[in-house]
Amino acid sequence: MIVNNRTLAREWLILVSCLSVGFVVVPLGLVVLSRSRGVTFDLHEMYFTVHDWWVGWLLGLCPYILVQLVRSLAWAVRTLRG
């Protein structure tokens, strides 16, 4: 399979958009949701402490992982049908 510029650009846009959602929208949504329920939620602590760093990265990468999982499942279904 030859990777052309169009394919590379599409994959790059998927990566950047998913990381933007994961590292900006999801944490801000968690802050808004937690404050509406009266719970304190500290983004700085989640992203920069030694013990909980993996939670921030998991939240940040989760949209990209989910998109890639859905794409691979769709590919598998198309391959089996066709």
Protein backbone atom coordinates (compact mmCIF):
# COMPACT_ATOMS: atom_id res chain seq x y z
CA MET A 1 0.00 0.00 0.00
CA ILE A 2 1.40 3.34 -1.06
CA VAL A 3 0.75 6.25 1.25
CA ASN A 4 0.11 9.40 -0.76
CA ASN A 5 -0.15 13.00 0.44
CA ARG A 6 -3.95 12.89 0.65
CA THR A 7 -3.90 9.86 2.98
CA LEU A 8 -1.18 11.39 5.11
CA ALA A 9 -3.08 14.68 5.40
CA ARG A 10 -6.29 12.87 6.39
CA GLU A 11 -4.55 10.86 9.10
CA TRP A 12 -2.80 13.97 10.40
CA LEU A 13 -6.11 15.86 10.64
CA ILE A 14 -7.72 12.94 12.47
CA LEU A 15 -4.84 12.83 14.95
CA VAL A 16 -4.77 16.58 15.59
CA SER A 17 -8.54 16.91 15.92
CA CYS A 18 -8.82 13.93 18.29
CA LEU A 19 -5.94 15.15 20.43
CA SER A 20 -7.48 18.63 20.55
CA VAL A 21 -10.76 17.17 21.72
CA GLY A 22 -9.02 14.88 24.19
CA PHE A 23 -6.73 17.45 25.75
CA VAL A 24 -9.03 20.50 25.63
CA VAL A 25 -12.71 19.62 25.37
CA VAL A 26 -12.82 16.51 27.58
CA PRO A 27 -10.95 18.07 30.55
CA LEU A 28 -12.99 21.27 30.35
CA GLY A 29 -16.16 19.21 30.22
CA LEU A 30 -15.02 17.33 33.30
CA VAL A 31 -14.34 20.60 35.12
CA VAL A 32 -17.79 21.98 34.23
CA LEU A 33 -19.51 18.73 35.14
CA SER A 34 -17.66 18.37 38.44
CA ARG A 35 -18.29 21.98 39.47
CA SER A 36 -22.00 21.66 38.71
CA ARG A 37 -22.11 18.72 41.12
CA GLY A 38 -20.10 20.52 43.80
CA VAL A 39 -16.94 18.42 43.39
CA THR A 40 -13.54 20.04 43.01
CA PHE A 41 -11.53 18.80 40.05
CA ASP A 42 -7.98 20.04 39.58
CA LEU A 43 -6.60 19.71 36.04
CA HIS A 44 -3.12 20.76 37.07
CA GLU A 45 -2.98 18.01 39.67
CA MET A 46 -4.27 15.43 37.19
CA TYR A 47 -1.78 16.28 34.43
CA PHE A 48 1.34 17.13 36.41
CA THR A 49 1.47 15.01 39.56
CA VAL A 50 3.67 11.98 39.69
CA HIS A 51 0.92 9.59 40.77
CA ASP A 52 -1.93 10.51 38.41
CA TRP A 53 -0.17 11.50 35.18
CA TRP A 54 -1.55 8.46 33.33
CA VAL A 55 -5.16 9.57 33.91
CA GLY A 56 -4.61 12.81 32.02
CA TRP A 57 -2.89 11.07 29.15
CA LEU A 58 -5.58 8.41 29.01
CA LEU A 59 -8.28 11.07 28.80
CA GLY A 60 -6.29 12.92 26.16
CA LEU A 61 -5.70 9.88 23.98
CA CYS A 62 -9.10 8.28 24.47
CA PRO A 63 -10.87 10.04 21.53
CA TYR A 64 -8.08 9.02 19.13
CA ILE A 65 -8.11 5.44 20.36
CA LEU A 66 -11.89 5.25 20.01
CA VAL A 67 -11.83 6.70 16.48
CA GLN A 68 -9.16 4.22 15.42
CA LEU A 69 -11.09 1.34 16.99
CA VAL A 70 -14.27 2.30 15.11
CA ARG A 71 -12.32 2.69 11.86
CA SER A 72 -10.69 -0.73 12.26
CA LEU A 73 -14.02 -2.38 13.03
CA ALA A 74 -15.58 -0.75 9.97
CA TRP A 75 -12.67 -1.97 7.85
CA ALA A 76 -13.09 -5.51 9.20
CA VAL A 77 -16.80 -5.52 8.40
CA ARG A 78 -16.18 -4.20 4.87
CA THR A 79 -13.46 -6.81 4.34
CA LEU A 80 -15.67 -9.67 5.48
CA ARG A 81 -18.59 -8.53 3.30
CA GLY A 82 -16.64 -7.86 0.22
